[in-house]
Each structure stands twice: as C-alpha cells, then as structure tokens.
C-alpha cells in the first residue's frame, strides 16, 4: 500500500461508520469503473485508435482549447 493511501485510510477510520461506508463505496465504484474502461479498450483497440485520430485531427484544425483546471 502506498503512503498516501495508507494516510487516507487512517483518516477515514476516524470518521463515523456511515461516512466510512460512503468513502468505501466511492473507491470501489472508481476501481470498477477503471476495470470497465480497461476491458472496453482491450476489446476494441481500433476504436481507441480512431478516437485518438479524431482528437488529433480536431486539435490540428484548431478546434481544441488548452486544458484549464480552474474552469473544470
């Protein structure tokens, strides 16, 4: 386990049970979502390649903006 995850778990242990369960549910949902994305891309690498090609085409055509985390 990484130091950061260990610290997060220690902090979560101090919370009421309901909040611990909510955090656990969020973490598990995120892990499941990551697995689903990985499986989807693994099953269809040509789709991922097409999406990447389209994104590059839009960028080269000037139809993209720089990422601004403050506007997310």
PDB file of N, CA and C in Angstrom:
ATOM      1  N   UNK A   1       0.858  -1.169   0.000  1.00  0.00           N
ATOM      2  CA  UNK A   1       0.000   0.000   0.000  1.00  0.00           C
ATOM      3  C   UNK A   1       0.902   1.229   0.000  1.00  0.00           C
ATOM      4  N   UNK A   2       0.508   2.235  -0.757  1.00  0.00           N
ATOM      5  CA  UNK A   2       1.302   3.454  -0.793  1.00  0.00           C
ATOM      6  C   UNK A   2       1.089   4.262   0.483  1.00  0.00           C
ATOM      7  N   UNK A   3       2.010   5.162   0.729  1.00  0.00           N
ATOM      8  CA  UNK A   3       1.918   6.023   1.896  1.00  0.00           C
ATOM      9  C   UNK A   3       0.637   6.856   1.849  1.00  0.00           C
ATOM     10  N   UNK A   4       0.341   7.402   0.680  1.00  0.00           N
ATOM     11  CA  UNK A   4      -0.829   8.273   0.556  1.00  0.00           C
ATOM     12  C   UNK A   4      -2.128   7.517   0.827  1.00  0.00           C
ATOM     13  N   UNK A   5      -2.246   6.310   0.266  1.00  0.00           N
ATOM     14  CA  UNK A   5      -3.451   5.520   0.502  1.00  0.00           C
ATOM     15  C   UNK A   5      -3.556   5.137   1.973  1.00  0.00           C
ATOM     16  N   UNK A   6      -2.423   4.786   2.569  1.00  0.00           N
ATOM     17  CA  UNK A   6      -2.409   4.457   3.987  1.00  0.00           C
ATOM     18  C   UNK A   6      -2.897   5.634   4.829  1.00  0.00           C
ATOM     19  N   UNK A   7      -2.452   6.839   4.495  1.00  0.00           N
ATOM     20  CA  UNK A   7      -2.870   8.028   5.229  1.00  0.00           C
ATOM     21  C   UNK A   7      -4.365   8.294   5.044  1.00  0.00           C
ATOM     22  N   UNK A   8      -4.851   8.085   3.825  1.00  0.00           N
ATOM     23  CA  UNK A   8      -6.281   8.286   3.555  1.00  0.00           C
ATOM     24  C   UNK A   8      -7.122   7.305   4.366  1.00  0.00           C
ATOM     25  N   UNK A   9      -6.674   6.071   4.439  1.00  0.00           N
ATOM     26  CA  UNK A   9      -7.425   5.062   5.197  1.00  0.00           C
ATOM     27  C   UNK A   9      -7.387   5.388   6.689  1.00  0.00           C
ATOM     28  N   UNK A  10      -6.238   5.804   7.174  1.00  0.00           N
ATOM     29  CA  UNK A  10      -6.157   6.193   8.590  1.00  0.00           C
ATOM     30  C   UNK A  10      -7.108   7.347   8.901  1.00  0.00           C
ATOM     31  N   UNK A  11      -7.159   8.331   8.018  1.00  0.00           N
ATOM     32  CA  UNK A  11      -8.055   9.468   8.226  1.00  0.00           C
ATOM     33  C   UNK A  11      -9.519   9.020   8.162  1.00  0.00           C
ATOM     34  N   UNK A  12      -9.823   8.125   7.232  1.00  0.00           N
ATOM     35  CA  UNK A  12     -11.199   7.655   7.090  1.00  0.00           C
ATOM     36  C   UNK A  12     -11.645   6.857   8.307  1.00  0.00           C
ATOM     37  N   UNK A  13     -10.726   6.153   8.944  1.00  0.00           N
ATOM     38  CA  UNK A  13     -11.076   5.352  10.110  1.00  0.00           C
ATOM     39  C   UNK A  13     -11.593   6.197  11.264  1.00  0.00           C
ATOM     40  N   UNK A  14     -11.251   7.472  11.275  1.00  0.00           N
ATOM     41  CA  UNK A  14     -11.703   8.359  12.344  1.00  0.00           C
ATOM     42  C   UNK A  14     -13.119   8.888  12.101  1.00  0.00           C
ATOM     43  N   UNK A  15     -13.646   8.633  10.931  1.00  0.00           N
ATOM     44  CA  UNK A  15     -14.975   9.139  10.589  1.00  0.00           C
ATOM     45  C   UNK A  15     -16.056   8.190  11.083  1.00  0.00           C
ATOM     46  N   UNK A  16     -17.290   8.702  11.186  1.00  0.00           N
ATOM     47  CA  UNK A  16     -18.416   7.829  11.542  1.00  0.00           C
ATOM     48  C   UNK A  16     -18.591   6.720  10.496  1.00  0.00           C
ATOM     49  N   UNK A  17     -19.199   5.629  10.909  1.00  0.00           N
ATOM     50  CA  UNK A  17     -19.371   4.465  10.035  1.00  0.00           C
ATOM     51  C   UNK A  17     -20.039   4.812   8.704  1.00  0.00           C
ATOM     52  N   UNK A  18     -21.052   5.637   8.733  1.00  0.00           N
ATOM     53  CA  UNK A  18     -21.769   5.975   7.501  1.00  0.00           C
ATOM     54  C   UNK A  18     -20.842   6.685   6.508  1.00  0.00           C
ATOM     55  N   UNK A  19     -19.995   7.570   7.007  1.00  0.00           N
ATOM     56  CA  UNK A  19     -19.059   8.264   6.129  1.00  0.00           C
ATOM     57  C   UNK A  19     -17.981   7.312   5.612  1.00  0.00           C
ATOM     58  N   UNK A  20     -17.544   6.392   6.458  1.00  0.00           N
ATOM     59  CA  UNK A  20     -16.576   5.392   6.014  1.00  0.00           C
ATOM     60  C   UNK A  20     -17.162   4.552   4.888  1.00  0.00           C
ATOM     61  N   UNK A  21     -18.416   4.151   5.058  1.00  0.00           N
ATOM     62  CA  UNK A  21     -19.078   3.352   4.024  1.00  0.00           C
ATOM     63  C   UNK A  21     -19.214   4.139   2.721  1.00  0.00           C
ATOM     64  N   UNK A  22     -19.504   5.427   2.813  1.00  0.00           N
ATOM     65  CA  UNK A  22     -19.644   6.253   1.611  1.00  0.00           C
ATOM     66  C   UNK A  22     -18.305   6.363   0.885  1.00  0.00           C
ATOM     67  N   UNK A  23     -17.239   6.546   1.633  1.00  0.00           N
ATOM     68  CA  UNK A  23     -15.906   6.622   1.024  1.00  0.00           C
ATOM     69  C   UNK A  23     -15.545   5.286   0.395  1.00  0.00           C
ATOM     70  N   UNK A  24     -15.807   4.199   1.103  1.00  0.00           N
ATOM     71  CA  UNK A  24     -15.511   2.871   0.574  1.00  0.00           C
ATOM     72  C   UNK A  24     -16.292   2.614  -0.714  1.00  0.00           C
ATOM     73  N   UNK A  25     -17.552   2.990  -0.738  1.00  0.00           N
ATOM     74  CA  UNK A  25     -18.375   2.795  -1.926  1.00  0.00           C
ATOM     75  C   UNK A  25     -17.821   3.599  -3.106  1.00  0.00           C
ATOM     76  N   UNK A  26     -17.378   4.821  -2.845  1.00  0.00           N
ATOM     77  CA  UNK A  26     -16.817   5.657  -3.905  1.00  0.00           C
ATOM     78  C   UNK A  26     -15.524   5.047  -4.451  1.00  0.00           C
ATOM     79  N   UNK A  27     -14.669   4.560  -3.578  1.00  0.00           N
ATOM     80  CA  UNK A  27     -13.416   3.942  -4.009  1.00  0.00           C
ATOM     81  C   UNK A  27     -13.700   2.690  -4.832  1.00  0.00           C
ATOM     82  N   UNK A  28     -14.587   1.836  -4.349  1.00  0.00           N
ATOM     83  CA  UNK A  28     -14.914   0.616  -5.081  1.00  0.00           C
ATOM     84  C   UNK A  28     -15.549   0.922  -6.436  1.00  0.00           C
ATOM     85  N   UNK A  29     -16.407   1.916  -6.489  1.00  0.00           N
ATOM     86  CA  UNK A  29     -17.027   2.298  -7.760  1.00  0.00           C
ATOM     87  C   UNK A  29     -15.967   2.796  -8.740  1.00  0.00           C
ATOM     88  N   UNK A  30     -15.010   3.558  -8.260  1.00  0.00           N
ATOM     89  CA  UNK A  30     -13.929   4.065  -9.118  1.00  0.00           C
ATOM     90  C   UNK A  30     -13.087   2.914  -9.661  1.00  0.00           C
ATOM     91  N   UNK A  31     -12.768   1.958  -8.814  1.00  0.00           N
ATOM     92  CA  UNK A  31     -11.979   0.799  -9.245  1.00  0.00           C
ATOM     93  C   UNK A  31     -12.749  -0.003 -10.282  1.00  0.00           C
ATOM     94  N   UNK A  32     -14.042  -0.226 -10.041  1.00  0.00           N
ATOM     95  CA  UNK A  32     -14.858  -0.962 -11.009  1.00  0.00           C
ATOM     96  C   UNK A  32     -14.933  -0.220 -12.343  1.00  0.00           C
ATOM     97  N   UNK A  33     -15.067   1.106 -12.280  1.00  0.00           N
ATOM     98  CA  UNK A  33     -15.126   1.910 -13.489  1.00  0.00           C
ATOM     99  C   UNK A  33     -13.822   1.798 -14.277  1.00  0.00           C
ATOM    100  N   UNK A  34     -12.705   1.843 -13.593  1.00  0.00           N
ATOM    101  CA  UNK A  34     -11.411   1.697 -14.254  1.00  0.00           C
ATOM    102  C   UNK A  34     -11.300   0.342 -14.942  1.00  0.00           C
ATOM    103  N   UNK A  35     -11.771  -0.703 -14.281  1.00  0.00           N
ATOM    104  CA  UNK A  35     -11.750  -2.039 -14.881  1.00  0.00           C
ATOM    105  C   UNK A  35     -12.617  -2.088 -16.133  1.00  0.00           C
ATOM    106  N   UNK A  36     -13.789  -1.469 -16.070  1.00  0.00           N
ATOM    107  CA  UNK A  36     -14.679  -1.471 -17.240  1.00  0.00           C
ATOM    108  C   UNK A  36     -14.037  -0.744 -18.419  1.00  0.00           C
ATOM    109  N   UNK A  37     -13.410   0.416 -18.157  1.00  0.00           N
ATOM    110  CA  UNK A  37     -12.745   1.151 -19.233  1.00  0.00           C
ATOM    111  C   UNK A  37     -11.606   0.333 -19.822  1.00  0.00           C
ATOM    112  N   UNK A  38     -10.798  -0.277 -18.957  1.00  0.00           N
ATOM    113  CA  UNK A  38      -9.671  -1.078 -19.435  1.00  0.00           C
ATOM    114  C   UNK A  38     -10.147  -2.235 -20.300  1.00  0.00           C
ATOM    115  N   UNK A  39     -11.215  -2.908 -19.861  1.00  0.00           N
ATOM    116  CA  UNK A  39     -11.769  -4.019 -20.637  1.00  0.00           C
ATOM    117  C   UNK A  39     -12.327  -3.542 -21.970  1.00  0.00           C
ATOM    118  N   UNK A  40     -13.003  -2.403 -21.956  1.00  0.00           N
ATOM    119  CA  UNK A  40     -13.585  -1.879 -23.189  1.00  0.00           C
ATOM    120  C   UNK A  40     -12.492  -1.538 -24.199  1.00  0.00           C
ATOM    121  N   UNK A  41     -11.430  -0.900 -23.751  1.00  0.00           N
ATOM    122  CA  UNK A  41     -10.350  -0.548 -24.659  1.00  0.00           C
ATOM    123  C   UNK A  41      -9.575  -1.785 -25.109  1.00  0.00           C
ATOM    124  N   UNK A  42      -9.477  -2.775 -24.235  1.00  0.00           N
ATOM    125  CA  UNK A  42      -8.786  -4.007 -24.582  1.00  0.00           C
ATOM    126  C   UNK A  42      -9.545  -4.766 -25.667  1.00  0.00           C
ATOM    127  N   UNK A  43     -10.870  -4.727 -25.597  1.00  0.00           N
ATOM    128  CA  UNK A  43     -11.706  -5.436 -26.580  1.00  0.00           C
ATOM    129  C   UNK A  43     -11.745  -4.713 -27.922  1.00  0.00           C
ATOM    130  N   UNK A  44     -11.495  -3.410 -27.916  1.00  0.00           N
ATOM    131  CA  UNK A  44     -11.640  -2.663 -29.168  1.00  0.00           C
ATOM    132  C   UNK A  44     -10.522  -1.634 -29.334  1.00  0.00           C
ATOM    133  N   UNK A  45      -9.281  -2.081 -29.501  1.00  0.00           N
ATOM    134  CA  UNK A  45      -8.175  -1.119 -29.659  1.00  0.00           C
ATOM    135  C   UNK A  45      -8.336  -0.264 -30.913  1.00  0.00           C
ATOM    136  N   UNK A  46      -9.018  -0.792 -31.934  1.00  0.00           N
ATOM    137  CA  UNK A  46      -9.215   0.016 -33.141  1.00  0.00           C
ATOM    138  C   UNK A  46     -10.131   1.204 -32.866  1.00  0.00           C
ATOM    139  N   UNK A  47     -11.082   1.042 -31.970  1.00  0.00           N
ATOM    140  CA  UNK A  47     -11.964   2.162 -31.600  1.00  0.00           C
ATOM    141  C   UNK A  47     -11.166   3.233 -30.876  1.00  0.00           C
ATOM    142  N   UNK A  48     -10.307   2.831 -29.968  1.00  0.00           N
ATOM    143  CA  UNK A  48      -9.469   3.784 -29.255  1.00  0.00           C
ATOM    144  C   UNK A  48      -8.548   4.518 -30.234  1.00  0.00           C
ATOM    145  N   UNK A  49      -7.980   3.797 -31.170  1.00  0.00           N
ATOM    146  CA  UNK A  49      -7.108   4.421 -32.167  1.00  0.00           C
ATOM    147  C   UNK A  49      -7.885   5.426 -33.002  1.00  0.00           C
ATOM    148  N   UNK A  50      -9.114   5.103 -33.363  1.00  0.00           N
ATOM    149  CA  UNK A  50      -9.946   6.023 -34.139  1.00  0.00           C
ATOM    150  C   UNK A  50     -10.267   7.278 -33.338  1.00  0.00           C
ATOM    151  N   UNK A  51     -10.597   7.107 -32.053  1.00  0.00           N
ATOM    152  CA  UNK A  51     -10.872   8.269 -31.204  1.00  0.00           C
ATOM    153  C   UNK A  51      -9.638   9.160 -31.079  1.00  0.00           C
ATOM    154  N   UNK A  52      -8.475   8.548 -30.947  1.00  0.00           N
ATOM    155  CA  UNK A  52      -7.230   9.319 -30.864  1.00  0.00           C
ATOM    156  C   UNK A  52      -6.985  10.075 -32.164  1.00  0.00           C
ATOM    157  N   UNK A  53      -7.222   9.419 -33.295  1.00  0.00           N
ATOM    158  CA  UNK A  53      -7.042  10.065 -34.598  1.00  0.00           C
ATOM    159  C   UNK A  53      -7.969  11.264 -34.737  1.00  0.00           C
ATOM    160  N   UNK A  54      -9.225  11.088 -34.334  1.00  0.00           N
ATOM    161  CA  UNK A  54     -10.190  12.190 -34.410  1.00  0.00           C
ATOM    162  C   UNK A  54      -9.780  13.349 -33.510  1.00  0.00           C
ATOM    163  N   UNK A  55      -9.295  13.036 -32.320  1.00  0.00           N
ATOM    164  CA  UNK A  55      -8.876  14.086 -31.395  1.00  0.00           C
ATOM    165  C   UNK A  55      -7.704  14.872 -31.969  1.00  0.00           C
ATOM    166  N   UNK A  56      -6.736  14.165 -32.535  1.00  0.00           N
ATOM    167  CA  UNK A  56      -5.597  14.855 -33.149  1.00  0.00           C
ATOM    168  C   UNK A  56      -6.031  15.713 -34.329  1.00  0.00           C
ATOM    169  N   UNK A  57      -6.961  15.196 -35.107  1.00  0.00           N
ATOM    170  CA  UNK A  57      -7.476  15.950 -36.252  1.00  0.00           C
ATOM    171  C   UNK A  57      -8.145  17.249 -35.779  1.00  0.00           C
ATOM    172  N   UNK A  58      -8.958  17.163 -34.743  1.00  0.00           N
ATOM    173  CA  UNK A  58      -9.611  18.361 -34.203  1.00  0.00           C
ATOM    174  C   UNK A  58      -8.576  19.345 -33.666  1.00  0.00           C
ATOM    175  N   UNK A  59      -7.550  18.824 -32.992  1.00  0.00           N
ATOM    176  CA  UNK A  59      -6.511  19.697 -32.447  1.00  0.00           C
ATOM    177  C   UNK A  59      -5.761  20.410 -33.570  1.00  0.00           C
ATOM    178  N   UNK A  60      -5.368  19.659 -34.581  1.00  0.00           N
ATOM    179  CA  UNK A  60      -4.635  20.250 -35.706  1.00  0.00           C
ATOM    180  C   UNK A  60      -5.479  21.268 -36.467  1.00  0.00           C
ATOM    181  N   UNK A  61      -6.795  21.097 -36.439  1.00  0.00           N
ATOM    182  CA  UNK A  61      -7.699  22.020 -37.121  1.00  0.00           C
ATOM    183  C   UNK A  61      -8.017  23.245 -36.263  1.00  0.00           C
ATOM    184  N   UNK A  62      -7.447  23.288 -35.054  1.00  0.00           N
ATOM    185  CA  UNK A  62      -7.666  24.443 -34.193  1.00  0.00           C
ATOM    186  C   UNK A  62      -8.994  24.437 -33.469  1.00  0.00           C
ATOM    187  N   UNK A  63      -9.607  23.279 -33.334  1.00  0.00           N
ATOM    188  CA  UNK A  63     -10.914  23.194 -32.674  1.00  0.00           C
ATOM    189  C   UNK A  63     -10.810  22.724 -31.224  1.00  0.00           C
ATOM    190  N   UNK A  64      -9.633  22.871 -30.626  1.00  0.00           N
ATOM    191  CA  UNK A  64      -9.453  22.492 -29.223  1.00  0.00           C
ATOM    192  C   UNK A  64      -8.929  23.676 -28.433  1.00  0.00           C
ATOM    193  N   UNK A  65      -9.065  23.591 -27.129  1.00  0.00           N
ATOM    194  CA  UNK A  65      -8.562  24.629 -26.230  1.00  0.00           C
ATOM    195  C   UNK A  65      -7.608  23.996 -25.229  1.00  0.00           C
ATOM    196  N   UNK A  66      -6.653  24.783 -24.735  1.00  0.00           N
ATOM    197  CA  UNK A  66      -5.773  24.242 -23.698  1.00  0.00           C
ATOM    198  C   UNK A  66      -6.583  23.871 -22.459  1.00  0.00           C
ATOM    199  N   UNK A  67      -6.142  22.845 -21.765  1.00  0.00           N
ATOM    200  CA  UNK A  67      -6.807  22.419 -20.550  1.00  0.00           C
ATOM    201  C   UNK A  67      -6.584  23.464 -19.468  1.00  0.00           C
ATOM    202  N   UNK A  68      -7.670  23.912 -18.857  1.00  0.00           N
ATOM    203  CA  UNK A  68      -7.599  24.887 -17.775  1.00  0.00           C
ATOM    204  C   UNK A  68      -8.284  24.266 -16.561  1.00  0.00           C
ATOM    205  N   UNK A  69      -7.494  23.697 -15.625  1.00  0.00           N
ATOM    206  CA  UNK A  69      -8.097  23.035 -14.468  1.00  0.00           C
ATOM    207  C   UNK A  69      -9.004  23.950 -13.652  1.00  0.00           C
ATOM    208  N   UNK A  70      -8.771  25.251 -13.697  1.00  0.00           N
ATOM    209  CA  UNK A  70      -9.617  26.177 -12.934  1.00  0.00           C
ATOM    210  C   UNK A  70     -11.012  26.310 -13.526  1.00  0.00           C
ATOM    211  N   UNK A  71     -11.186  25.894 -14.764  1.00  0.00           N
ATOM    212  CA  UNK A  71     -12.505  26.000 -15.407  1.00  0.00           C
ATOM    213  C   UNK A  71     -13.221  24.663 -15.468  1.00  0.00           C
ATOM    214  N   UNK A  72     -12.683  23.661 -14.806  1.00  0.00           N
ATOM    215  CA  UNK A  72     -13.289  22.331 -14.829  1.00  0.00           C
ATOM    216  C   UNK A  72     -14.376  22.217 -13.797  1.00  0.00           C
TER     217      UNK A  72
END
